[in-house]
């Protein structure tokens, strides 16, 4: 249940995209994140940090998405966000007394300091690689969009209504580009979420081993 609550804005974004378009989906994600934060505050007088961070990111980048109406910006956005997270985790490795992952988790888990640093660096690398993977998936759409713009001379293309604007080979190219956009949206929801959950599971196994080792050392000491 908590998993569904945490990914509430992302799930509604996906549903809204399938029913309407990517701009309506972005607005839905912003509103749903606002509801998520408001509900947490009204019910517990407390809002989880991750929900606040998600809301801030959605308001900033989602607002720019709606304002600019630029699909390229939309697809670059997850990479930029992941790189920012990666940079923050990496910076905490050298700035301050504790790496970021330790500050977030040490109240629940006790492991040796070298393990925290190793885990923190792994999170940083994960976010950075996820950012590059997002661009790899989005690149096919970028190429298709660029080719269609060159062919038609248009600076902006309405991929949600290809049949209203194009015919023949241009329509086929527009439909193909729209299909690539849908593939990217599926990757954003299922691919990124799946990779993140898989990474968390691997992290849990890794931490469990070192928690046991730490407990044995404490008992032996």
N, C-alpha and C. Protein backbone atom coordinates (compact mmCIF):
# COMPACT_ATOMS: atom_id res chain seq x y z
N UNK A 1 0.83 -1.21 0.00
CA UNK A 1 0.00 0.00 0.00
C UNK A 1 0.87 1.26 0.00
N UNK A 2 1.93 1.25 0.82
CA UNK A 2 2.82 2.41 0.86
C UNK A 2 3.50 2.61 -0.49
N UNK A 3 3.82 1.49 -1.16
CA UNK A 3 4.44 1.58 -2.49
C UNK A 3 3.53 2.35 -3.44
N UNK A 4 2.23 2.02 -3.44
CA UNK A 4 1.27 2.71 -4.31
C UNK A 4 1.16 4.19 -3.94
N UNK A 5 1.19 4.47 -2.63
CA UNK A 5 1.10 5.86 -2.18
C UNK A 5 2.33 6.66 -2.62
N UNK A 6 3.51 6.05 -2.54
CA UNK A 6 4.75 6.74 -2.91
C UNK A 6 4.79 7.05 -4.41
N UNK A 7 4.27 6.14 -5.22
CA UNK A 7 4.32 6.32 -6.68
C UNK A 7 2.99 6.79 -7.26
N UNK A 8 2.14 7.31 -6.40
CA UNK A 8 0.83 7.81 -6.80
C UNK A 8 0.90 8.81 -7.96
N UNK A 9 1.76 9.87 -7.90
CA UNK A 9 1.83 10.82 -9.02
C UNK A 9 2.32 10.19 -10.32
N UNK A 10 3.27 9.26 -10.22
CA UNK A 10 3.82 8.62 -11.42
C UNK A 10 2.77 7.75 -12.10
N UNK A 11 2.02 7.00 -11.31
CA UNK A 11 0.98 6.14 -11.87
C UNK A 11 -0.11 6.95 -12.55
N UNK A 12 -0.55 8.05 -11.91
CA UNK A 12 -1.56 8.91 -12.53
C UNK A 12 -1.03 9.60 -13.78
N UNK A 13 0.26 9.95 -13.78
CA UNK A 13 0.88 10.51 -14.98
C UNK A 13 0.74 9.54 -16.14
N UNK A 14 1.05 8.28 -15.90
CA UNK A 14 0.98 7.26 -16.95
C UNK A 14 -0.45 7.11 -17.47
N UNK A 15 -1.42 7.04 -16.55
CA UNK A 15 -2.82 6.88 -16.95
C UNK A 15 -3.29 8.09 -17.77
N UNK A 16 -2.95 9.30 -17.30
CA UNK A 16 -3.37 10.52 -18.01
C UNK A 16 -2.72 10.61 -19.38
N UNK A 17 -1.49 10.15 -19.49
CA UNK A 17 -0.81 10.18 -20.79
C UNK A 17 -1.53 9.27 -21.78
N UNK A 18 -1.94 8.09 -21.32
CA UNK A 18 -2.62 7.14 -22.20
C UNK A 18 -3.98 7.66 -22.65
N UNK A 19 -4.64 8.41 -21.76
CA UNK A 19 -5.99 8.92 -22.08
C UNK A 19 -5.93 10.24 -22.86
N UNK A 20 -5.00 11.12 -22.47
CA UNK A 20 -4.93 12.45 -23.09
C UNK A 20 -3.59 12.64 -23.82
N UNK A 21 -2.69 13.44 -23.23
CA UNK A 21 -1.38 13.65 -23.84
C UNK A 21 -0.37 13.94 -22.74
N UNK A 22 0.86 14.19 -23.14
CA UNK A 22 1.94 14.30 -22.17
C UNK A 22 1.84 15.57 -21.33
N UNK A 23 1.22 16.63 -21.87
CA UNK A 23 1.10 17.89 -21.12
C UNK A 23 0.00 17.80 -20.06
N UNK A 24 -1.12 17.18 -20.43
CA UNK A 24 -2.17 16.94 -19.44
C UNK A 24 -1.64 16.01 -18.35
N UNK A 25 -0.86 15.00 -18.76
CA UNK A 25 -0.29 14.05 -17.80
C UNK A 25 0.62 14.76 -16.81
N UNK A 26 1.39 15.72 -17.30
CA UNK A 26 2.29 16.48 -16.42
C UNK A 26 1.49 17.28 -15.40
N UNK A 27 0.42 17.94 -15.85
CA UNK A 27 -0.43 18.70 -14.94
C UNK A 27 -1.07 17.79 -13.90
N UNK A 28 -1.50 16.60 -14.32
CA UNK A 28 -2.09 15.63 -13.39
C UNK A 28 -1.08 15.20 -12.34
N UNK A 29 0.18 14.99 -12.77
CA UNK A 29 1.24 14.58 -11.83
C UNK A 29 1.48 15.67 -10.79
N UNK A 30 1.47 16.94 -11.21
CA UNK A 30 1.68 18.04 -10.27
C UNK A 30 0.56 18.10 -9.24
N UNK A 31 -0.68 18.02 -9.73
CA UNK A 31 -1.84 18.10 -8.82
C UNK A 31 -1.86 16.90 -7.87
N UNK A 32 -1.56 15.71 -8.39
CA UNK A 32 -1.59 14.51 -7.55
C UNK A 32 -0.49 14.55 -6.49
N UNK A 33 0.66 15.13 -6.84
CA UNK A 33 1.74 15.28 -5.86
C UNK A 33 1.34 16.28 -4.78
N UNK A 34 0.63 17.34 -5.18
CA UNK A 34 0.12 18.31 -4.21
C UNK A 34 -0.86 17.65 -3.25
N UNK A 35 -1.74 16.79 -3.79
CA UNK A 35 -2.70 16.05 -2.96
C UNK A 35 -1.95 15.12 -2.01
N UNK A 36 -0.92 14.47 -2.52
CA UNK A 36 -0.11 13.55 -1.71
C UNK A 36 0.52 14.26 -0.52
N UNK A 37 1.09 15.43 -0.76
CA UNK A 37 1.72 16.21 0.32
C UNK A 37 0.65 16.73 1.28
N UNK A 38 -0.44 17.25 0.75
CA UNK A 38 -1.51 17.79 1.59
C UNK A 38 -2.15 16.72 2.46
N UNK A 39 -2.36 15.54 1.90
CA UNK A 39 -2.97 14.44 2.66
C UNK A 39 -2.05 14.01 3.80
N UNK A 40 -0.75 13.93 3.51
CA UNK A 40 0.21 13.56 4.55
C UNK A 40 0.23 14.55 5.70
N UNK A 41 0.13 15.82 5.36
CA UNK A 41 0.14 16.86 6.39
C UNK A 41 -1.15 16.85 7.21
N UNK A 42 -2.29 16.71 6.54
CA UNK A 42 -3.57 16.73 7.25
C UNK A 42 -3.74 15.50 8.14
N UNK A 43 -3.24 14.37 7.69
CA UNK A 43 -3.44 13.13 8.43
C UNK A 43 -2.42 12.96 9.56
N UNK A 44 -1.15 13.31 9.30
CA UNK A 44 -0.10 13.03 10.29
C UNK A 44 0.61 14.28 10.79
N UNK A 45 0.24 15.45 10.20
CA UNK A 45 0.97 16.68 10.51
C UNK A 45 2.47 16.50 10.23
N UNK A 46 2.73 15.67 9.22
CA UNK A 46 4.10 15.38 8.82
C UNK A 46 4.09 14.95 7.36
N UNK A 47 5.08 15.44 6.60
CA UNK A 47 5.20 15.06 5.19
C UNK A 47 6.56 14.41 4.98
N UNK A 48 6.57 13.25 4.32
CA UNK A 48 7.83 12.57 4.06
C UNK A 48 8.72 13.41 3.14
N UNK A 49 10.01 13.37 3.42
CA UNK A 49 10.96 14.20 2.65
C UNK A 49 10.90 13.87 1.16
N UNK A 50 10.79 12.58 0.84
CA UNK A 50 10.76 12.19 -0.56
C UNK A 50 9.54 12.75 -1.28
N UNK A 51 8.40 12.82 -0.58
CA UNK A 51 7.19 13.39 -1.19
C UNK A 51 7.38 14.89 -1.43
N UNK A 52 8.03 15.58 -0.49
CA UNK A 52 8.31 17.01 -0.67
C UNK A 52 9.27 17.25 -1.82
N UNK A 53 10.29 16.41 -1.90
CA UNK A 53 11.27 16.54 -2.99
C UNK A 53 10.59 16.30 -4.33
N UNK A 54 9.76 15.26 -4.39
CA UNK A 54 9.03 14.95 -5.62
C UNK A 54 8.13 16.11 -6.02
N UNK A 55 7.43 16.68 -5.05
CA UNK A 55 6.53 17.80 -5.32
C UNK A 55 7.32 19.00 -5.85
N UNK A 56 8.45 19.32 -5.21
CA UNK A 56 9.27 20.44 -5.66
C UNK A 56 9.78 20.25 -7.08
N UNK A 57 10.22 19.03 -7.38
CA UNK A 57 10.73 18.74 -8.73
C UNK A 57 9.61 18.84 -9.77
N UNK A 58 8.44 18.31 -9.41
CA UNK A 58 7.31 18.36 -10.35
C UNK A 58 6.85 19.79 -10.61
N UNK A 59 6.79 20.60 -9.57
CA UNK A 59 6.37 21.99 -9.75
C UNK A 59 7.36 22.74 -10.62
N UNK A 60 8.66 22.56 -10.36
CA UNK A 60 9.68 23.27 -11.13
C UNK A 60 9.74 22.78 -12.57
N UNK A 61 10.04 21.50 -12.74
CA UNK A 61 10.24 20.98 -14.09
C UNK A 61 8.92 20.74 -14.81
N UNK A 62 7.88 20.34 -14.06
CA UNK A 62 6.57 20.16 -14.68
C UNK A 62 6.00 21.49 -15.17
N UNK A 63 6.20 22.53 -14.35
CA UNK A 63 5.75 23.86 -14.78
C UNK A 63 6.45 24.31 -16.05
N UNK A 64 7.75 24.05 -16.14
CA UNK A 64 8.50 24.39 -17.35
C UNK A 64 8.03 23.55 -18.54
N UNK A 65 7.69 22.29 -18.28
CA UNK A 65 7.19 21.42 -19.34
C UNK A 65 5.93 21.99 -19.96
N UNK A 66 4.98 22.40 -19.12
CA UNK A 66 3.71 22.95 -19.61
C UNK A 66 3.93 24.30 -20.29
N UNK A 67 4.85 25.09 -19.73
CA UNK A 67 5.12 26.41 -20.29
C UNK A 67 5.82 26.33 -21.65
N UNK A 68 6.83 25.47 -21.75
CA UNK A 68 7.63 25.39 -22.98
C UNK A 68 6.99 24.54 -24.05
N UNK A 69 6.16 23.54 -23.64
CA UNK A 69 5.52 22.62 -24.61
C UNK A 69 6.57 21.99 -25.52
N UNK A 70 7.64 21.49 -24.94
CA UNK A 70 8.77 20.95 -25.69
C UNK A 70 9.03 19.52 -25.25
N UNK A 71 8.80 18.57 -26.15
CA UNK A 71 8.98 17.17 -25.82
C UNK A 71 10.44 16.82 -25.53
N UNK A 72 11.35 17.46 -26.21
CA UNK A 72 12.77 17.21 -25.96
C UNK A 72 13.12 17.56 -24.52
N UNK A 73 12.62 18.69 -24.05
CA UNK A 73 12.84 19.08 -22.65
C UNK A 73 12.26 18.04 -21.71
N UNK A 74 11.06 17.55 -22.03
CA UNK A 74 10.39 16.56 -21.18
C UNK A 74 11.25 15.31 -21.04
N UNK A 75 11.83 14.86 -22.14
CA UNK A 75 12.59 13.62 -22.12
C UNK A 75 13.97 13.79 -21.52
N UNK A 76 14.51 14.99 -21.59
CA UNK A 76 15.79 15.27 -20.94
C UNK A 76 15.63 15.39 -19.42
N UNK A 77 14.45 15.78 -18.99
CA UNK A 77 14.20 16.10 -17.58
C UNK A 77 14.59 14.97 -16.62
N UNK A 78 14.15 13.70 -16.85
CA UNK A 78 14.54 12.65 -15.91
C UNK A 78 16.06 12.47 -15.80
N UNK A 79 16.77 12.67 -16.91
CA UNK A 79 18.22 12.55 -16.88
C UNK A 79 18.83 13.64 -16.01
N UNK A 80 18.36 14.87 -16.19
CA UNK A 80 18.89 15.99 -15.40
C UNK A 80 18.61 15.77 -13.92
N UNK A 81 17.39 15.31 -13.60
CA UNK A 81 17.03 15.07 -12.19
C UNK A 81 17.90 13.97 -11.59
N UNK A 82 18.08 12.88 -12.33
CA UNK A 82 18.92 11.79 -11.83
C UNK A 82 20.36 12.23 -11.66
N UNK A 83 20.86 13.03 -12.58
CA UNK A 83 22.24 13.52 -12.45
C UNK A 83 22.39 14.45 -11.26
N UNK A 84 21.35 15.25 -10.99
CA UNK A 84 21.39 16.11 -9.81
C UNK A 84 21.44 15.28 -8.53
N UNK A 85 20.60 14.24 -8.47
CA UNK A 85 20.63 13.34 -7.31
C UNK A 85 22.01 12.68 -7.19
N UNK A 86 22.53 12.21 -8.32
CA UNK A 86 23.85 11.58 -8.30
C UNK A 86 24.92 12.52 -7.81
N UNK A 87 24.85 13.79 -8.25
CA UNK A 87 25.85 14.78 -7.84
C UNK A 87 25.74 15.08 -6.34
N UNK A 88 24.50 15.15 -5.83
CA UNK A 88 24.30 15.42 -4.40
C UNK A 88 24.87 14.28 -3.56
N UNK A 89 24.56 13.04 -3.94
CA UNK A 89 25.10 11.89 -3.20
C UNK A 89 26.62 11.87 -3.27
N UNK A 90 27.16 12.16 -4.45
CA UNK A 90 28.62 12.15 -4.61
C UNK A 90 29.28 13.25 -3.79
N UNK A 91 28.69 14.43 -3.78
CA UNK A 91 29.25 15.55 -3.01
C UNK A 91 29.24 15.24 -1.51
N UNK A 92 28.18 14.55 -1.05
CA UNK A 92 28.10 14.23 0.37
C UNK A 92 29.17 13.23 0.79
N UNK A 93 29.75 12.56 -0.20
CA UNK A 93 30.84 11.62 0.09
C UNK A 93 32.07 12.36 0.63
N UNK A 94 32.21 13.63 0.24
CA UNK A 94 33.41 14.40 0.58
C UNK A 94 33.11 15.62 1.45
N UNK A 95 31.83 16.03 1.50
CA UNK A 95 31.44 17.21 2.27
C UNK A 95 30.60 16.78 3.47
N UNK A 96 30.98 17.23 4.65
CA UNK A 96 30.25 16.85 5.86
C UNK A 96 30.83 15.60 6.49
N UNK A 97 30.34 15.29 7.66
CA UNK A 97 30.86 14.15 8.42
C UNK A 97 30.29 12.82 7.96
N UNK A 98 29.07 12.84 7.38
CA UNK A 98 28.42 11.59 6.99
C UNK A 98 27.91 11.70 5.55
N UNK A 99 28.02 10.61 4.78
CA UNK A 99 27.41 10.61 3.45
C UNK A 99 25.89 10.66 3.54
N UNK A 100 25.26 11.09 2.49
CA UNK A 100 23.81 11.33 2.51
C UNK A 100 23.03 10.07 2.84
N UNK A 101 23.41 8.93 2.28
CA UNK A 101 22.65 7.71 2.53
C UNK A 101 22.69 7.32 4.01
N UNK A 102 23.79 7.62 4.68
CA UNK A 102 23.88 7.34 6.12
C UNK A 102 22.94 8.23 6.91
N UNK A 103 22.88 9.50 6.54
CA UNK A 103 21.98 10.42 7.23
C UNK A 103 20.53 10.00 7.07
N UNK A 104 20.21 9.42 5.92
CA UNK A 104 18.83 9.02 5.63
C UNK A 104 18.43 7.73 6.32
N UNK A 105 19.40 6.82 6.56
CA UNK A 105 19.05 5.47 6.97
C UNK A 105 19.61 5.03 8.33
N UNK A 106 20.53 5.80 8.90
CA UNK A 106 21.21 5.31 10.11
C UNK A 106 20.28 5.20 11.32
N UNK A 107 19.16 5.89 11.31
CA UNK A 107 18.23 5.77 12.44
C UNK A 107 17.56 4.40 12.47
N UNK A 108 17.56 3.70 11.32
CA UNK A 108 16.92 2.39 11.23
C UNK A 108 17.92 1.24 11.13
N UNK A 109 19.12 1.54 10.60
CA UNK A 109 20.09 0.49 10.32
C UNK A 109 21.46 0.90 10.86
N UNK A 110 22.18 -0.07 11.41
CA UNK A 110 23.53 0.19 11.91
C UNK A 110 24.54 -0.69 11.18
N UNK A 111 25.42 -0.05 10.42
CA UNK A 111 26.51 -0.77 9.73
C UNK A 111 27.78 0.05 9.88
N UNK A 112 28.94 -0.53 9.64
CA UNK A 112 30.20 0.22 9.75
C UNK A 112 30.27 1.39 8.77
N UNK A 113 31.01 2.43 9.14
CA UNK A 113 31.12 3.64 8.31
C UNK A 113 31.60 3.36 6.89
N UNK A 114 32.59 2.47 6.67
CA UNK A 114 33.02 2.20 5.29
C UNK A 114 31.90 1.66 4.41
N UNK A 115 30.96 0.92 5.02
CA UNK A 115 29.83 0.38 4.25
C UNK A 115 28.92 1.51 3.81
N UNK A 116 28.68 2.49 4.68
CA UNK A 116 27.85 3.65 4.32
C UNK A 116 28.46 4.38 3.13
N UNK A 117 29.77 4.59 3.16
CA UNK A 117 30.43 5.32 2.08
C UNK A 117 30.36 4.54 0.77
N UNK A 118 30.54 3.23 0.87
CA UNK A 118 30.46 2.40 -0.33
C UNK A 118 29.04 2.43 -0.90
N UNK A 119 28.05 2.34 -0.02
CA UNK A 119 26.65 2.36 -0.45
C UNK A 119 26.29 3.71 -1.05
N UNK A 120 26.76 4.78 -0.44
CA UNK A 120 26.48 6.12 -0.93
C UNK A 120 27.05 6.33 -2.33
N UNK A 121 28.28 5.85 -2.54
CA UNK A 121 28.90 5.96 -3.86
C UNK A 121 28.14 5.14 -4.90
N UNK A 122 27.64 3.99 -4.48
CA UNK A 122 26.86 3.14 -5.39
C UNK A 122 25.57 3.82 -5.82
N UNK A 123 24.90 4.50 -4.86
CA UNK A 123 23.68 5.25 -5.19
C UNK A 123 24.00 6.37 -6.19
N UNK A 124 25.10 7.05 -5.97
CA UNK A 124 25.50 8.13 -6.87
C UNK A 124 25.70 7.60 -8.29
N UNK A 125 26.43 6.50 -8.41
CA UNK A 125 26.68 5.90 -9.73
C UNK A 125 25.39 5.41 -10.35
N UNK A 126 24.48 4.86 -9.54
CA UNK A 126 23.21 4.37 -10.05
C UNK A 126 22.40 5.50 -10.68
N UNK A 127 22.30 6.63 -9.97
CA UNK A 127 21.54 7.77 -10.51
C UNK A 127 22.17 8.30 -11.80
N UNK A 128 23.49 8.38 -11.83
CA UNK A 128 24.17 8.89 -13.02
C UNK A 128 23.94 7.96 -14.22
N UNK A 129 24.08 6.66 -14.00
CA UNK A 129 23.87 5.69 -15.08
C UNK A 129 22.41 5.68 -15.53
N UNK A 130 21.48 5.84 -14.58
CA UNK A 130 20.06 5.88 -14.94
C UNK A 130 19.76 7.08 -15.83
N UNK A 131 20.44 8.20 -15.56
CA UNK A 131 20.27 9.38 -16.41
C UNK A 131 20.72 9.12 -17.83
N UNK A 132 21.85 8.45 -18.00
CA UNK A 132 22.34 8.13 -19.34
C UNK A 132 21.45 7.10 -20.03
N UNK A 133 20.93 6.14 -19.26
CA UNK A 133 20.04 5.14 -19.83
C UNK A 133 18.76 5.79 -20.35
N UNK A 134 18.25 6.77 -19.63
CA UNK A 134 17.06 7.49 -20.08
C UNK A 134 17.30 8.15 -21.44
N UNK A 135 18.46 8.79 -21.59
CA UNK A 135 18.78 9.44 -22.87
C UNK A 135 18.93 8.41 -23.99
N UNK A 136 19.49 7.25 -23.65
CA UNK A 136 19.64 6.19 -24.65
C UNK A 136 18.28 5.76 -25.19
N UNK A 137 17.30 5.60 -24.29
CA UNK A 137 15.95 5.20 -24.70
C UNK A 137 15.27 6.32 -25.47
N UNK A 138 15.48 7.57 -25.06
CA UNK A 138 14.81 8.71 -25.70
C UNK A 138 15.44 9.08 -27.03
N UNK A 139 16.67 8.65 -27.28
CA UNK A 139 17.40 9.12 -28.46
C UNK A 139 16.70 8.75 -29.77
N UNK A 140 16.07 7.57 -29.82
CA UNK A 140 15.36 7.18 -31.05
C UNK A 140 14.26 8.17 -31.39
N UNK A 141 13.55 8.66 -30.35
CA UNK A 141 12.52 9.66 -30.60
C UNK A 141 13.15 10.96 -31.09
N UNK A 142 14.27 11.38 -30.48
CA UNK A 142 14.94 12.61 -30.90
C UNK A 142 15.30 12.55 -32.39
N UNK A 143 15.83 11.40 -32.81
CA UNK A 143 16.22 11.23 -34.22
C UNK A 143 15.00 11.29 -35.12
N UNK A 144 13.93 10.57 -34.73
CA UNK A 144 12.71 10.55 -35.54
C UNK A 144 12.08 11.94 -35.64
N UNK A 145 12.06 12.66 -34.53
CA UNK A 145 11.50 14.01 -34.52
C UNK A 145 12.31 14.94 -35.42
N UNK A 146 13.63 14.85 -35.34
CA UNK A 146 14.50 15.70 -36.14
C UNK A 146 14.31 15.42 -37.63
N UNK A 147 14.20 14.16 -37.99
CA UNK A 147 14.02 13.80 -39.40
C UNK A 147 12.68 14.33 -39.93
N UNK A 148 11.63 14.24 -39.12
CA UNK A 148 10.32 14.73 -39.55
C UNK A 148 10.32 16.25 -39.67
N UNK A 149 11.00 16.92 -38.76
CA UNK A 149 11.09 18.39 -38.84
C UNK A 149 11.83 18.82 -40.10
N UNK A 150 12.89 18.10 -40.42
CA UNK A 150 13.65 18.42 -41.63
C UNK A 150 12.81 18.21 -42.88
N UNK A 151 12.03 17.13 -42.87
CA UNK A 151 11.21 16.80 -44.03
C UNK A 151 10.08 17.79 -44.24
N UNK A 152 9.44 18.21 -43.15
CA UNK A 152 8.26 19.07 -43.25
C UNK A 152 8.58 20.55 -43.12
N UNK A 153 9.74 20.88 -42.56
CA UNK A 153 10.09 22.28 -42.32
C UNK A 153 9.41 22.88 -41.11
N UNK A 154 8.71 22.05 -40.32
CA UNK A 154 8.02 22.54 -39.12
C UNK A 154 8.96 22.57 -37.93
N UNK A 155 8.77 23.54 -37.04
CA UNK A 155 9.57 23.66 -35.83
C UNK A 155 8.94 22.94 -34.64
N UNK A 156 7.64 22.69 -34.72
CA UNK A 156 6.94 21.99 -33.66
C UNK A 156 5.90 21.08 -34.28
N UNK A 157 5.81 19.85 -33.77
CA UNK A 157 4.93 18.85 -34.37
C UNK A 157 3.97 18.31 -33.31
N UNK A 158 2.71 18.21 -33.68
CA UNK A 158 1.68 17.68 -32.79
C UNK A 158 1.61 16.16 -32.99
N UNK A 159 2.39 15.43 -32.21
CA UNK A 159 2.46 13.98 -32.38
C UNK A 159 1.20 13.28 -31.90
N UNK A 160 0.37 13.96 -31.13
CA UNK A 160 -0.85 13.34 -30.63
C UNK A 160 -1.96 13.31 -31.68
N UNK A 161 -1.79 14.09 -32.76
CA UNK A 161 -2.82 14.15 -33.82
C UNK A 161 -2.17 14.09 -35.19
N UNK A 162 -1.37 13.06 -35.41
CA UNK A 162 -0.62 12.94 -36.66
C UNK A 162 -1.53 12.91 -37.89
N UNK A 163 -2.64 12.18 -37.79
CA UNK A 163 -3.52 12.02 -38.95
C UNK A 163 -4.19 13.32 -39.37
N UNK A 164 -4.26 14.29 -38.48
CA UNK A 164 -4.87 15.58 -38.81
C UNK A 164 -3.93 16.51 -39.57
N UNK A 165 -2.63 16.21 -39.51
CA UNK A 165 -1.65 17.13 -40.09
C UNK A 165 -0.82 16.54 -41.24
N UNK A 166 -0.77 15.20 -41.33
CA UNK A 166 0.12 14.58 -42.31
C UNK A 166 -0.59 13.48 -43.09
N UNK A 167 0.02 13.16 -44.23
CA UNK A 167 -0.44 12.05 -45.06
C UNK A 167 0.76 11.30 -45.61
N UNK A 168 0.53 10.09 -46.08
CA UNK A 168 1.58 9.32 -46.73
C UNK A 168 2.76 9.02 -45.82
N UNK A 169 3.97 9.21 -46.38
CA UNK A 169 5.19 8.89 -45.64
C UNK A 169 5.37 9.77 -44.41
N UNK A 170 4.91 11.03 -44.52
CA UNK A 170 5.01 11.93 -43.36
C UNK A 170 4.16 11.42 -42.19
N UNK A 171 2.96 10.91 -42.52
CA UNK A 171 2.09 10.36 -41.48
C UNK A 171 2.74 9.13 -40.85
N UNK A 172 3.35 8.29 -41.66
CA UNK A 172 4.03 7.10 -41.14
C UNK A 172 5.17 7.50 -40.19
N UNK A 173 5.93 8.51 -40.57
CA UNK A 173 7.04 8.98 -39.73
C UNK A 173 6.51 9.57 -38.42
N UNK A 174 5.41 10.31 -38.51
CA UNK A 174 4.82 10.92 -37.31
C UNK A 174 4.31 9.84 -36.37
N UNK A 175 3.62 8.84 -36.92
CA UNK A 175 3.10 7.75 -36.09
C UNK A 175 4.24 6.96 -35.45
N UNK A 176 5.32 6.76 -36.22
CA UNK A 176 6.47 6.03 -35.69
C UNK A 176 7.11 6.81 -34.53
N UNK A 177 7.23 8.13 -34.69
CA UNK A 177 7.80 8.97 -33.63
C UNK A 177 6.91 8.96 -32.39
N UNK A 178 5.60 9.00 -32.60
CA UNK A 178 4.67 8.96 -31.47
C UNK A 178 4.77 7.63 -30.74
N UNK A 179 4.96 6.54 -31.48
CA UNK A 179 5.14 5.23 -30.87
C UNK A 179 6.41 5.18 -30.04
N UNK A 180 7.47 5.84 -30.52
CA UNK A 180 8.72 5.91 -29.76
C UNK A 180 8.54 6.72 -28.48
N UNK A 181 7.72 7.78 -28.57
CA UNK A 181 7.42 8.56 -27.37
C UNK A 181 6.69 7.69 -26.34
N UNK A 182 5.74 6.88 -26.79
CA UNK A 182 5.02 5.99 -25.89
C UNK A 182 5.96 4.97 -25.25
N UNK A 183 6.92 4.49 -26.04
CA UNK A 183 7.91 3.54 -25.50
C UNK A 183 8.73 4.20 -24.40
N UNK A 184 9.07 5.47 -24.60
CA UNK A 184 9.82 6.19 -23.58
C UNK A 184 8.99 6.36 -22.31
N UNK A 185 7.71 6.69 -22.46
CA UNK A 185 6.83 6.85 -21.29
C UNK A 185 6.74 5.52 -20.53
N UNK A 186 6.61 4.41 -21.26
CA UNK A 186 6.57 3.10 -20.61
C UNK A 186 7.88 2.82 -19.87
N UNK A 187 8.99 3.20 -20.49
CA UNK A 187 10.28 3.00 -19.83
C UNK A 187 10.38 3.86 -18.57
N UNK A 188 9.87 5.10 -18.67
CA UNK A 188 9.94 6.00 -17.52
C UNK A 188 9.18 5.43 -16.33
N UNK A 189 8.01 4.82 -16.60
CA UNK A 189 7.22 4.27 -15.50
C UNK A 189 7.73 2.90 -15.07
N UNK A 190 7.75 1.94 -16.02
CA UNK A 190 8.06 0.56 -15.67
C UNK A 190 9.57 0.30 -15.61
N UNK A 191 10.31 0.85 -16.58
CA UNK A 191 11.74 0.59 -16.62
C UNK A 191 12.49 1.22 -15.46
N UNK A 192 12.32 2.52 -15.30
CA UNK A 192 13.03 3.21 -14.22
C UNK A 192 12.57 2.73 -12.84
N UNK A 193 11.27 2.52 -12.70
CA UNK A 193 10.75 2.04 -11.42
C UNK A 193 11.27 0.64 -11.13
N UNK A 194 11.26 -0.22 -12.16
CA UNK A 194 11.73 -1.58 -11.98
C UNK A 194 13.21 -1.63 -11.63
N UNK A 195 14.01 -0.83 -12.32
CA UNK A 195 15.44 -0.79 -12.03
C UNK A 195 15.70 -0.28 -10.62
N UNK A 196 14.95 0.75 -10.22
CA UNK A 196 15.12 1.30 -8.88
C UNK A 196 14.74 0.29 -7.81
N UNK A 197 13.62 -0.40 -8.01
CA UNK A 197 13.19 -1.42 -7.04
C UNK A 197 14.20 -2.56 -6.97
N UNK A 198 14.71 -2.98 -8.15
CA UNK A 198 15.72 -4.02 -8.18
C UNK A 198 16.98 -3.61 -7.45
N UNK A 199 17.38 -2.36 -7.64
CA UNK A 199 18.56 -1.84 -6.95
C UNK A 199 18.35 -1.81 -5.44
N UNK A 200 17.15 -1.41 -5.01
CA UNK A 200 16.84 -1.38 -3.58
C UNK A 200 16.88 -2.78 -2.97
N UNK A 201 16.36 -3.77 -3.71
CA UNK A 201 16.38 -5.16 -3.22
C UNK A 201 17.82 -5.64 -3.06
N UNK A 202 18.67 -5.38 -4.07
CA UNK A 202 20.08 -5.77 -3.97
C UNK A 202 20.75 -5.06 -2.80
N UNK A 203 20.42 -3.79 -2.61
CA UNK A 203 20.97 -3.03 -1.49
C UNK A 203 20.55 -3.65 -0.16
N UNK A 204 19.30 -4.11 -0.07
CA UNK A 204 18.80 -4.71 1.16
C UNK A 204 19.58 -5.98 1.50
N UNK A 205 19.83 -6.83 0.48
CA UNK A 205 20.61 -8.05 0.71
C UNK A 205 22.03 -7.70 1.17
N UNK A 206 22.60 -6.69 0.52
CA UNK A 206 23.96 -6.27 0.87
C UNK A 206 24.03 -5.75 2.31
N UNK A 207 23.06 -4.92 2.67
CA UNK A 207 23.03 -4.37 4.03
C UNK A 207 22.77 -5.46 5.07
N UNK A 208 21.88 -6.41 4.75
CA UNK A 208 21.56 -7.47 5.70
C UNK A 208 22.81 -8.26 6.08
N UNK A 209 23.66 -8.52 5.11
CA UNK A 209 24.89 -9.26 5.39
C UNK A 209 25.80 -8.49 6.33
N UNK A 210 25.92 -7.18 6.09
CA UNK A 210 26.82 -6.37 6.91
C UNK A 210 26.21 -6.03 8.27
N UNK A 211 24.88 -6.03 8.35
CA UNK A 211 24.24 -5.85 9.66
C UNK A 211 24.58 -7.03 10.55
N UNK A 212 24.49 -8.26 9.97
CA UNK A 212 24.83 -9.45 10.73
C UNK A 212 26.30 -9.45 11.15
N UNK A 213 27.18 -9.07 10.20
CA UNK A 213 28.60 -9.01 10.52
C UNK A 213 28.88 -8.01 11.64
N UNK A 214 28.19 -6.88 11.57
CA UNK A 214 28.36 -5.84 12.57
C UNK A 214 27.90 -6.31 13.95
N UNK A 215 26.76 -7.06 13.98
CA UNK A 215 26.24 -7.57 15.23
C UNK A 215 27.19 -8.60 15.85
N UNK A 216 27.79 -9.44 14.98
CA UNK A 216 28.72 -10.45 15.48
C UNK A 216 29.98 -9.81 16.05
N UNK A 217 30.46 -8.75 15.36
CA UNK A 217 31.64 -8.04 15.86
C UNK A 217 31.35 -7.38 17.20
N UNK A 218 30.14 -6.82 17.34
CA UNK A 218 29.75 -6.17 18.60
C UNK A 218 29.67 -7.18 19.74
N UNK A 219 29.07 -8.35 19.44
CA UNK A 219 28.96 -9.38 20.46
C UNK A 219 30.34 -9.92 20.85
N UNK A 220 31.21 -10.08 19.82
CA UNK A 220 32.56 -10.59 20.08
C UNK A 220 33.40 -9.61 20.85
N UNK A 221 33.15 -8.28 20.61
CA UNK A 221 33.90 -7.24 21.31
C UNK A 221 33.47 -7.13 22.75
